[in-house]
Amino acid sequence: MPKNFTYIVSSLHGRAGKTLLARLIADYLILRGESPDLFDTDTVEKKLSGCFPSSATLIDLDKVINQMQLFDTLVAPASAPRVVDVTHRSFSKFFHLMEEIGYAEEARERGNEPVIFYLLNREADTYTRGLSLREHFKDCSFVLVDNEANGRPERAVQLSVDYMTLMRHDLQMKLPALDPMFATVIEDPYLSLSGFMQDPPAGMPPGKVSLAYMSLEARNAIRGWLKQVNGEIGRLLEMVRLRAEMMLRRPL
């Protein structure tokens, strides 16, 4: 099986829940005892690097030197899993570079399996571009992510060929919606979601208190949601691992 995995989290549009999912995957891996290397390509909002200041590298994909730095790192042999948060502003650029340099094949030769997580939302072009992305990277595990907080697209979109074709994709993940009352609470970059799930909870810097800890209702709601999310992430990562293992066993 591959020595490690690179989880590429992407969405065509902003506010789809992409950085939240990248953060959740990172915290899931941390809870599992791993120390993932994280890459934040959003130099405007810097949300992922804000949550993991000591382990996330900020990458400006508008700069050639940063493009080289990122992909040189991603093709190198890895001792830990990697999570890449691809900002919607650089969606086309990132995947163009990924295809142009033959990243997936080279990374796999060095024991690292790339996995693309693609978040859906309500816009029609999300499904058109999703099909195109899957087609361009047939050799990568491709995971469709339905963030329930985004709601369903209009009926006209659901009746489109692109929607119906993409939604038959076999590798799908549901990101359950968190009660809006608590959704803003987990945006606190000082709140470690992996620390919050420990018993007793940990992870807040000295002098910092998250609202997540302030009431029993908040703790129970957020903890229950995280357990559900971690179950989904664990299920998908195991499926991806088994598929990668089967690919390696396939006769030439």
C-alpha atoms as a PDB file:
ATOM      1  CA  MET A   1       0.000   0.000   0.000  1.00  0.00           C
ATOM      2  CA  PRO A   2       1.139   3.638  -0.357  1.00  0.00           C
ATOM      3  CA  LYS A   3       3.393   4.938   2.382  1.00  0.00           C
ATOM      4  CA  ASN A   4       1.163   7.978   2.768  1.00  0.00           C
ATOM      5  CA  PHE A   5      -1.665  10.074   1.360  1.00  0.00           C
ATOM      6  CA  THR A   6      -2.091  13.682   0.231  1.00  0.00           C
ATOM      7  CA  TYR A   7      -5.642  14.966   0.734  1.00  0.00           C
ATOM      8  CA  ILE A   8      -6.412  17.825  -1.674  1.00  0.00           C
ATOM      9  CA  VAL A   9      -9.534  19.704  -0.545  1.00  0.00           C
ATOM     10  CA  SER A  10     -11.137  21.918  -3.188  1.00  0.00           C
ATOM     11  CA  SER A  11     -14.285  23.733  -4.253  1.00  0.00           C
ATOM     12  CA  LEU A  12     -15.102  25.773  -7.320  1.00  0.00           C
ATOM     13  CA  HIS A  13     -16.763  28.539  -5.308  1.00  0.00           C
ATOM     14  CA  GLY A  14     -16.066  30.178  -1.973  1.00  0.00           C
ATOM     15  CA  ARG A  15     -18.119  29.606   1.198  1.00  0.00           C
ATOM     16  CA  ALA A  16     -18.685  25.952   0.328  1.00  0.00           C
ATOM     17  CA  GLY A  17     -17.107  24.626   3.542  1.00  0.00           C
ATOM     18  CA  LYS A  18     -13.768  23.689   1.986  1.00  0.00           C
ATOM     19  CA  THR A  19     -11.460  25.055   4.673  1.00  0.00           C
ATOM     20  CA  LEU A  20     -13.714  23.604   7.356  1.00  0.00           C
ATOM     21  CA  LEU A  21     -13.339  20.163   5.771  1.00  0.00           C
ATOM     22  CA  ALA A  22      -9.555  20.569   5.454  1.00  0.00           C
ATOM     23  CA  ARG A  23      -9.443  21.473   9.142  1.00  0.00           C
ATOM     24  CA  LEU A  24     -11.669  18.528  10.083  1.00  0.00           C
ATOM     25  CA  ILE A  25      -9.473  16.079   8.148  1.00  0.00           C
ATOM     26  CA  ALA A  26      -6.357  17.504   9.808  1.00  0.00           C
ATOM     27  CA  ASP A  27      -7.899  17.214  13.279  1.00  0.00           C
ATOM     28  CA  TYR A  28      -9.113  13.688  12.536  1.00  0.00           C
ATOM     29  CA  LEU A  29      -5.549  12.683  11.627  1.00  0.00           C
ATOM     30  CA  ILE A  30      -4.215  14.352  14.783  1.00  0.00           C
ATOM     31  CA  LEU A  31      -6.719  12.434  16.919  1.00  0.00           C
ATOM     32  CA  ARG A  32      -5.431   9.289  15.240  1.00  0.00           C
ATOM     33  CA  GLY A  33      -1.932  10.101  16.485  1.00  0.00           C
ATOM     34  CA  GLU A  34      -0.528  11.496  13.236  1.00  0.00           C
ATOM     35  CA  SER A  35       1.152  14.850  12.575  1.00  0.00           C
ATOM     36  CA  PRO A  36      -0.098  15.959   9.156  1.00  0.00           C
ATOM     37  CA  ASP A  37       1.711  18.561   7.058  1.00  0.00           C
ATOM     38  CA  LEU A  38      -0.767  21.277   6.096  1.00  0.00           C
ATOM     39  CA  PHE A  39      -0.733  23.708   3.167  1.00  0.00           C
ATOM     40  CA  ASP A  40      -2.947  26.800   3.040  1.00  0.00           C
ATOM     41  CA  THR A  41      -3.189  28.408  -0.409  1.00  0.00           C
ATOM     42  CA  ASP A  42      -5.511  31.230   0.659  1.00  0.00           C
ATOM     43  CA  THR A  43      -3.241  34.216   1.249  1.00  0.00           C
ATOM     44  CA  VAL A  44      -6.283  36.480   1.689  1.00  0.00           C
ATOM     45  CA  GLU A  45      -8.170  34.845   4.568  1.00  0.00           C
ATOM     46  CA  LYS A  46      -5.460  32.426   5.819  1.00  0.00           C
ATOM     47  CA  LYS A  47      -8.027  30.415   7.778  1.00  0.00           C
ATOM     48  CA  LEU A  48      -6.326  27.027   7.792  1.00  0.00           C
ATOM     49  CA  SER A  49      -2.959  28.470   8.771  1.00  0.00           C
ATOM     50  CA  GLY A  50      -4.738  30.505  11.448  1.00  0.00           C
ATOM     51  CA  CYS A  51      -6.031  27.281  13.014  1.00  0.00           C
ATOM     52  CA  PHE A  52      -2.667  25.491  12.733  1.00  0.00           C
ATOM     53  CA  PRO A  53      -0.012  28.229  12.956  1.00  0.00           C
ATOM     54  CA  SER A  54       2.801  25.834  13.832  1.00  0.00           C
ATOM     55  CA  SER A  55       2.112  23.142  11.240  1.00  0.00           C
ATOM     56  CA  ALA A  56       0.602  24.906   8.211  1.00  0.00           C
ATOM     57  CA  THR A  57       2.602  26.424   5.368  1.00  0.00           C
ATOM     58  CA  LEU A  58       1.070  29.418   3.578  1.00  0.00           C
ATOM     59  CA  ILE A  59       1.460  29.193  -0.204  1.00  0.00           C
ATOM     60  CA  ASP A  60       0.825  32.002  -2.721  1.00  0.00           C
ATOM     61  CA  LEU A  61      -0.014  30.240  -5.987  1.00  0.00           C
ATOM     62  CA  ASP A  62       0.322  33.521  -7.883  1.00  0.00           C
ATOM     63  CA  LYS A  63       4.078  33.282  -7.314  1.00  0.00           C
ATOM     64  CA  VAL A  64       6.048  30.804  -9.397  1.00  0.00           C
ATOM     65  CA  ILE A  65       8.530  30.187  -6.594  1.00  0.00           C
ATOM     66  CA  ASN A  66       5.660  29.195  -4.280  1.00  0.00           C
ATOM     67  CA  GLN A  67       4.172  26.925  -6.955  1.00  0.00           C
ATOM     68  CA  MET A  68       7.530  25.146  -7.224  1.00  0.00           C
ATOM     69  CA  GLN A  69       7.862  24.966  -3.439  1.00  0.00           C
ATOM     70  CA  LEU A  70       4.429  23.370  -3.056  1.00  0.00           C
ATOM     71  CA  PHE A  71       4.672  20.751  -5.781  1.00  0.00           C
ATOM     72  CA  ASP A  72       8.314  19.913  -5.042  1.00  0.00           C
ATOM     73  CA  THR A  73       7.189  19.186  -1.486  1.00  0.00           C
ATOM     74  CA  LEU A  74       4.105  17.239  -2.531  1.00  0.00           C
ATOM     75  CA  VAL A  75       6.010  14.883  -4.843  1.00  0.00           C
ATOM     76  CA  ALA A  76       8.710  14.181  -2.263  1.00  0.00           C
ATOM     77  CA  PRO A  77       8.460  11.015  -0.140  1.00  0.00           C
ATOM     78  CA  ALA A  78       6.394  11.711   2.979  1.00  0.00           C
ATOM     79  CA  SER A  79       6.641  10.544   6.565  1.00  0.00           C
ATOM     80  CA  ALA A  80       3.216  11.996   7.410  1.00  0.00           C
ATOM     81  CA  PRO A  81      -0.076  12.601   5.586  1.00  0.00           C
ATOM     82  CA  ARG A  82      -0.573  15.944   3.874  1.00  0.00           C
ATOM     83  CA  VAL A  83      -3.642  18.159   3.626  1.00  0.00           C
ATOM     84  CA  VAL A  84      -3.820  20.877   0.946  1.00  0.00           C
ATOM     85  CA  ASP A  85      -6.536  23.534   1.203  1.00  0.00           C
ATOM     86  CA  VAL A  86      -6.967  24.816  -2.375  1.00  0.00           C
ATOM     87  CA  THR A  87      -8.571  28.253  -2.345  1.00  0.00           C
ATOM     88  CA  HIS A  88     -11.356  28.737  -4.895  1.00  0.00           C
ATOM     89  CA  ARG A  89      -9.388  31.730  -6.195  1.00  0.00           C
ATOM     90  CA  SER A  90      -6.652  29.367  -7.379  1.00  0.00           C
ATOM     91  CA  PHE A  91      -8.823  26.371  -8.272  1.00  0.00           C
ATOM     92  CA  SER A  92      -8.061  26.377 -12.007  1.00  0.00           C
ATOM     93  CA  LYS A  93      -4.407  27.268 -11.544  1.00  0.00           C
ATOM     94  CA  PHE A  94      -3.738  24.527  -8.988  1.00  0.00           C
ATOM     95  CA  PHE A  95      -5.272  21.723 -11.024  1.00  0.00           C
ATOM     96  CA  HIS A  96      -3.706  22.983 -14.264  1.00  0.00           C
ATOM     97  CA  LEU A  97      -0.283  22.808 -12.594  1.00  0.00           C
ATOM     98  CA  MET A  98      -1.093  19.425 -11.086  1.00  0.00           C
ATOM     99  CA  GLU A  99      -1.924  18.028 -14.523  1.00  0.00           C
ATOM    100  CA  GLU A 100       0.888  19.815 -16.352  1.00  0.00           C
ATOM    101  CA  ILE A 101       3.675  18.391 -14.201  1.00  0.00           C
ATOM    102  CA  GLY A 102       2.151  14.907 -13.968  1.00  0.00           C
ATOM    103  CA  TYR A 103       2.024  15.259 -10.215  1.00  0.00           C
ATOM    104  CA  ALA A 104      -0.213  12.272  -9.457  1.00  0.00           C
ATOM    105  CA  GLU A 105       1.979   9.728 -11.244  1.00  0.00           C
ATOM    106  CA  GLU A 106       5.224  11.114  -9.847  1.00  0.00           C
ATOM    107  CA  ALA A 107       3.874  11.288  -6.286  1.00  0.00           C
ATOM    108  CA  ARG A 108       2.599   7.733  -6.501  1.00  0.00           C
ATOM    109  CA  GLU A 109       6.005   6.507  -7.693  1.00  0.00           C
ATOM    110  CA  ARG A 110       7.410   7.963  -4.472  1.00  0.00           C
ATOM    111  CA  GLY A 111       4.900   6.237  -2.224  1.00  0.00           C
ATOM    112  CA  ASN A 112       2.336   9.027  -1.880  1.00  0.00           C
ATOM    113  CA  GLU A 113      -1.269   8.642  -3.018  1.00  0.00           C
ATOM    114  CA  PRO A 114      -3.189  11.840  -3.960  1.00  0.00           C
ATOM    115  CA  VAL A 115      -6.879  12.074  -3.038  1.00  0.00           C
ATOM    116  CA  ILE A 116      -9.132  14.886  -4.304  1.00  0.00           C
ATOM    117  CA  PHE A 117     -12.042  16.018  -2.123  1.00  0.00           C
ATOM    118  CA  TYR A 118     -14.433  18.161  -4.174  1.00  0.00           C
ATOM    119  CA  LEU A 119     -17.150  20.087  -2.336  1.00  0.00           C
ATOM    120  CA  LEU A 120     -20.462  20.626  -4.064  1.00  0.00           C
ATOM    121  CA  ASN A 121     -22.766  23.605  -3.747  1.00  0.00           C
ATOM    122  CA  ARG A 122     -25.892  24.969  -5.416  1.00  0.00           C
ATOM    123  CA  GLU A 123     -24.415  26.498  -8.597  1.00  0.00           C
ATOM    124  CA  ALA A 124     -24.868  24.591 -11.877  1.00  0.00           C
ATOM    125  CA  ASP A 125     -21.236  25.012 -12.953  1.00  0.00           C
ATOM    126  CA  THR A 126     -20.139  23.118  -9.830  1.00  0.00           C
ATOM    127  CA  TYR A 127     -21.339  19.902 -11.453  1.00  0.00           C
ATOM    128  CA  THR A 128     -19.936  20.666 -14.898  1.00  0.00           C
ATOM    129  CA  ARG A 129     -16.500  21.426 -13.495  1.00  0.00           C
ATOM    130  CA  GLY A 130     -16.699  18.471 -11.146  1.00  0.00           C
ATOM    131  CA  LEU A 131     -17.160  16.102 -14.084  1.00  0.00           C
ATOM    132  CA  SER A 132     -14.254  17.735 -15.891  1.00  0.00           C
ATOM    133  CA  LEU A 133     -12.010  17.463 -12.819  1.00  0.00           C
ATOM    134  CA  ARG A 134     -12.841  13.783 -12.367  1.00  0.00           C
ATOM    135  CA  GLU A 135     -12.135  13.130 -16.039  1.00  0.00           C
ATOM    136  CA  HIS A 136      -8.758  14.891 -15.923  1.00  0.00           C
ATOM    137  CA  PHE A 137      -7.617  12.927 -12.862  1.00  0.00           C
ATOM    138  CA  LYS A 138      -8.958   9.427 -13.493  1.00  0.00           C
ATOM    139  CA  ASP A 139      -5.941   7.959 -11.724  1.00  0.00           C
ATOM    140  CA  CYS A 140      -6.734   9.759  -8.441  1.00  0.00           C
ATOM    141  CA  SER A 141      -9.281   8.852  -5.818  1.00  0.00           C
ATOM    142  CA  PHE A 142     -12.008  11.463  -6.255  1.00  0.00           C
ATOM    143  CA  VAL A 143     -14.416  12.121  -3.374  1.00  0.00           C
ATOM    144  CA  LEU A 144     -17.609  14.150  -3.847  1.00  0.00           C
ATOM    145  CA  VAL A 145     -18.510  16.033  -0.674  1.00  0.00           C
ATOM    146  CA  ASP A 146     -22.079  17.110  -0.011  1.00  0.00           C
ATOM    147  CA  ASN A 147     -22.012  19.817   2.650  1.00  0.00           C
ATOM    148  CA  GLU A 148     -25.566  19.726   3.977  1.00  0.00           C
ATOM    149  CA  ALA A 149     -25.225  23.323   5.184  1.00  0.00           C
ATOM    150  CA  ASN A 150     -25.180  24.434   1.518  1.00  0.00           C
ATOM    151  CA  GLY A 151     -28.672  23.093   0.840  1.00  0.00           C
ATOM    152  CA  ARG A 152     -29.888  21.508  -2.400  1.00  0.00           C
ATOM    153  CA  PRO A 153     -29.550  23.089  -5.861  1.00  0.00           C
ATOM    154  CA  GLU A 154     -32.623  24.254  -7.735  1.00  0.00           C
ATOM    155  CA  ARG A 155     -34.742  21.628  -9.464  1.00  0.00           C
ATOM    156  CA  ALA A 156     -33.523  22.732 -12.904  1.00  0.00           C
ATOM    157  CA  VAL A 157     -29.958  21.978 -11.823  1.00  0.00           C
ATOM    158  CA  GLN A 158     -30.977  18.597 -10.366  1.00  0.00           C
ATOM    159  CA  LEU A 159     -32.543  17.664 -13.711  1.00  0.00           C
ATOM    160  CA  SER A 160     -29.432  18.569 -15.688  1.00  0.00           C
ATOM    161  CA  VAL A 161     -27.297  15.861 -17.292  1.00  0.00           C
ATOM    162  CA  ASP A 162     -24.164  17.074 -15.501  1.00  0.00           C
ATOM    163  CA  TYR A 163     -25.837  16.880 -12.092  1.00  0.00           C
ATOM    164  CA  MET A 164     -27.316  13.421 -12.652  1.00  0.00           C
ATOM    165  CA  THR A 165     -24.065  12.065 -14.096  1.00  0.00           C
ATOM    166  CA  LEU A 166     -21.848  13.397 -11.321  1.00  0.00           C
ATOM    167  CA  MET A 167     -24.211  12.338  -8.551  1.00  0.00           C
ATOM    168  CA  ARG A 168     -23.853   8.713  -9.688  1.00  0.00           C
ATOM    169  CA  HIS A 169     -20.205   8.869  -8.636  1.00  0.00           C
ATOM    170  CA  ASP A 170     -19.508   6.048  -6.217  1.00  0.00           C
ATOM    171  CA  LEU A 171     -17.178   7.745  -3.724  1.00  0.00           C
ATOM    172  CA  GLN A 172     -19.239  10.299  -1.794  1.00  0.00           C
ATOM    173  CA  MET A 173     -19.116  11.881   1.638  1.00  0.00           C
ATOM    174  CA  LYS A 174     -21.771  13.756   3.574  1.00  0.00           C
ATOM    175  CA  LEU A 175     -20.652  16.658   5.740  1.00  0.00           C
ATOM    176  CA  PRO A 176     -23.544  17.029   8.196  1.00  0.00           C
ATOM    177  CA  ALA A 177     -24.766  20.501   9.016  1.00  0.00           C
ATOM    178  CA  LEU A 178     -24.075  21.854  12.488  1.00  0.00           C
ATOM    179  CA  ASP A 179     -26.809  23.799  14.265  1.00  0.00           C
ATOM    180  CA  PRO A 180     -26.352  27.427  13.092  1.00  0.00           C
ATOM    181  CA  MET A 181     -26.328  28.471  16.757  1.00  0.00           C
ATOM    182  CA  PHE A 182     -22.970  26.711  17.155  1.00  0.00           C
ATOM    183  CA  ALA A 183     -21.573  26.958  13.629  1.00  0.00           C
ATOM    184  CA  THR A 184     -19.890  30.299  14.331  1.00  0.00           C
ATOM    185  CA  VAL A 185     -18.423  28.942  17.580  1.00  0.00           C
ATOM    186  CA  ILE A 186     -16.190  26.434  15.785  1.00  0.00           C
ATOM    187  CA  GLU A 187     -14.801  29.176  13.524  1.00  0.00           C
ATOM    188  CA  ASP A 188     -12.660  30.293  16.471  1.00  0.00           C
ATOM    189  CA  PRO A 189      -9.077  29.600  15.245  1.00  0.00           C
ATOM    190  CA  TYR A 190      -7.943  29.104  18.859  1.00  0.00           C
ATOM    191  CA  LEU A 191     -10.340  26.167  19.241  1.00  0.00           C
ATOM    192  CA  SER A 192      -8.542  22.892  18.560  1.00  0.00           C
ATOM    193  CA  LEU A 193     -11.203  20.470  17.350  1.00  0.00           C
ATOM    194  CA  SER A 194      -8.973  17.492  18.110  1.00  0.00           C
ATOM    195  CA  GLY A 195      -8.295  18.902  21.581  1.00  0.00           C
ATOM    196  CA  PHE A 196     -11.996  19.463  22.112  1.00  0.00           C
ATOM    197  CA  MET A 197     -12.675  15.774  21.434  1.00  0.00           C
ATOM    198  CA  GLN A 198     -10.151  14.596  24.014  1.00  0.00           C
ATOM    199  CA  ASP A 199     -11.229  13.598  27.505  1.00  0.00           C
ATOM    200  CA  PRO A 200     -10.687  15.873  29.321  1.00  0.00           C
ATOM    201  CA  PRO A 201     -10.843  18.505  26.543  1.00  0.00           C
ATOM    202  CA  ALA A 202      -7.588  20.306  25.751  1.00  0.00           C
ATOM    203  CA  GLY A 203      -6.023  22.528  23.162  1.00  0.00           C
ATOM    204  CA  MET A 204      -6.839  26.131  24.136  1.00  0.00           C
ATOM    205  CA  PRO A 205      -3.896  28.511  24.582  1.00  0.00           C
ATOM    206  CA  PRO A 206      -3.421  29.989  28.076  1.00  0.00           C
ATOM    207  CA  GLY A 207      -5.874  32.800  28.721  1.00  0.00           C
ATOM    208  CA  LYS A 208      -8.152  31.825  25.833  1.00  0.00           C
ATOM    209  CA  VAL A 209     -11.627  30.386  26.417  1.00  0.00           C
ATOM    210  CA  SER A 210     -13.774  29.254  23.507  1.00  0.00           C
ATOM    211  CA  LEU A 211     -17.559  29.545  23.594  1.00  0.00           C
ATOM    212  CA  ALA A 212     -17.559  25.831  22.760  1.00  0.00           C
ATOM    213  CA  TYR A 213     -16.669  25.173  26.406  1.00  0.00           C
ATOM    214  CA  MET A 214     -19.080  27.702  27.906  1.00  0.00           C
ATOM    215  CA  SER A 215     -22.240  25.616  28.169  1.00  0.00           C
ATOM    216  CA  LEU A 216     -23.193  21.962  28.382  1.00  0.00           C
ATOM    217  CA  GLU A 217     -25.551  22.446  25.431  1.00  0.00           C
ATOM    218  CA  ALA A 218     -22.739  23.766  23.222  1.00  0.00           C
ATOM    219  CA  ARG A 219     -20.330  21.028  24.288  1.00  0.00           C
ATOM    220  CA  ASN A 220     -22.832  18.247  23.626  1.00  0.00           C
ATOM    221  CA  ALA A 221     -23.977  19.644  20.266  1.00  0.00           C
ATOM    222  CA  ILE A 222     -20.472  20.244  18.915  1.00  0.00           C
ATOM    223  CA  ARG A 223     -19.112  16.973  20.276  1.00  0.00           C
ATOM    224  CA  GLY A 224     -22.004  15.000  18.772  1.00  0.00           C
ATOM    225  CA  TRP A 225     -21.480  16.702  15.401  1.00  0.00           C
ATOM    226  CA  LEU A 226     -17.730  16.048  15.466  1.00  0.00           C
ATOM    227  CA  LYS A 227     -18.290  12.366  16.235  1.00  0.00           C
ATOM    228  CA  GLN A 228     -20.591  12.127  13.225  1.00  0.00           C
ATOM    229  CA  VAL A 229     -18.115  13.974  10.982  1.00  0.00           C
ATOM    230  CA  ASN A 230     -15.163  11.894  12.169  1.00  0.00           C
ATOM    231  CA  GLY A 231     -17.131   8.752  11.434  1.00  0.00           C
ATOM    232  CA  GLU A 232     -17.668   9.914   7.846  1.00  0.00           C
ATOM    233  CA  ILE A 233     -14.039  10.956   7.392  1.00  0.00           C
ATOM    234  CA  GLY A 234     -12.822   7.648   8.823  1.00  0.00           C
ATOM    235  CA  ARG A 235     -15.120   5.707   6.495  1.00  0.00           C
ATOM    236  CA  LEU A 236     -13.896   7.592   3.416  1.00  0.00           C
ATOM    237  CA  LEU A 237     -10.208   7.412   4.289  1.00  0.00           C
ATOM    238  CA  GLU A 238     -10.500   3.677   4.832  1.00  0.00           C
ATOM    239  CA  MET A 239     -12.237   3.246   1.464  1.00  0.00           C
ATOM    240  CA  VAL A 240      -9.510   5.285  -0.219  1.00  0.00           C
ATOM    241  CA  ARG A 241      -6.825   3.212   1.490  1.00  0.00           C
ATOM    242  CA  LEU A 242      -8.391  -0.059   0.361  1.00  0.00           C
ATOM    243  CA  ARG A 243      -8.752   1.187  -3.226  1.00  0.00           C
ATOM    244  CA  ALA A 244      -5.133   2.292  -3.334  1.00  0.00           C
ATOM    245  CA  GLU A 245      -4.079  -1.100  -2.018  1.00  0.00           C
ATOM    246  CA  MET A 246      -6.144  -2.876  -4.680  1.00  0.00           C
ATOM    247  CA  MET A 247      -4.606  -0.724  -7.418  1.00  0.00           C
ATOM    248  CA  LEU A 248      -1.095  -1.706  -6.296  1.00  0.00           C
ATOM    249  CA  ARG A 249      -2.053  -5.384  -6.362  1.00  0.00           C
ATOM    250  CA  ARG A 250      -3.502  -5.167  -9.875  1.00  0.00           C
ATOM    251  CA  PRO A 251      -1.378  -7.233 -12.313  1.00  0.00           C
ATOM    252  CA  LEU A 252       0.504  -5.395 -15.056  1.00  0.00           C
END
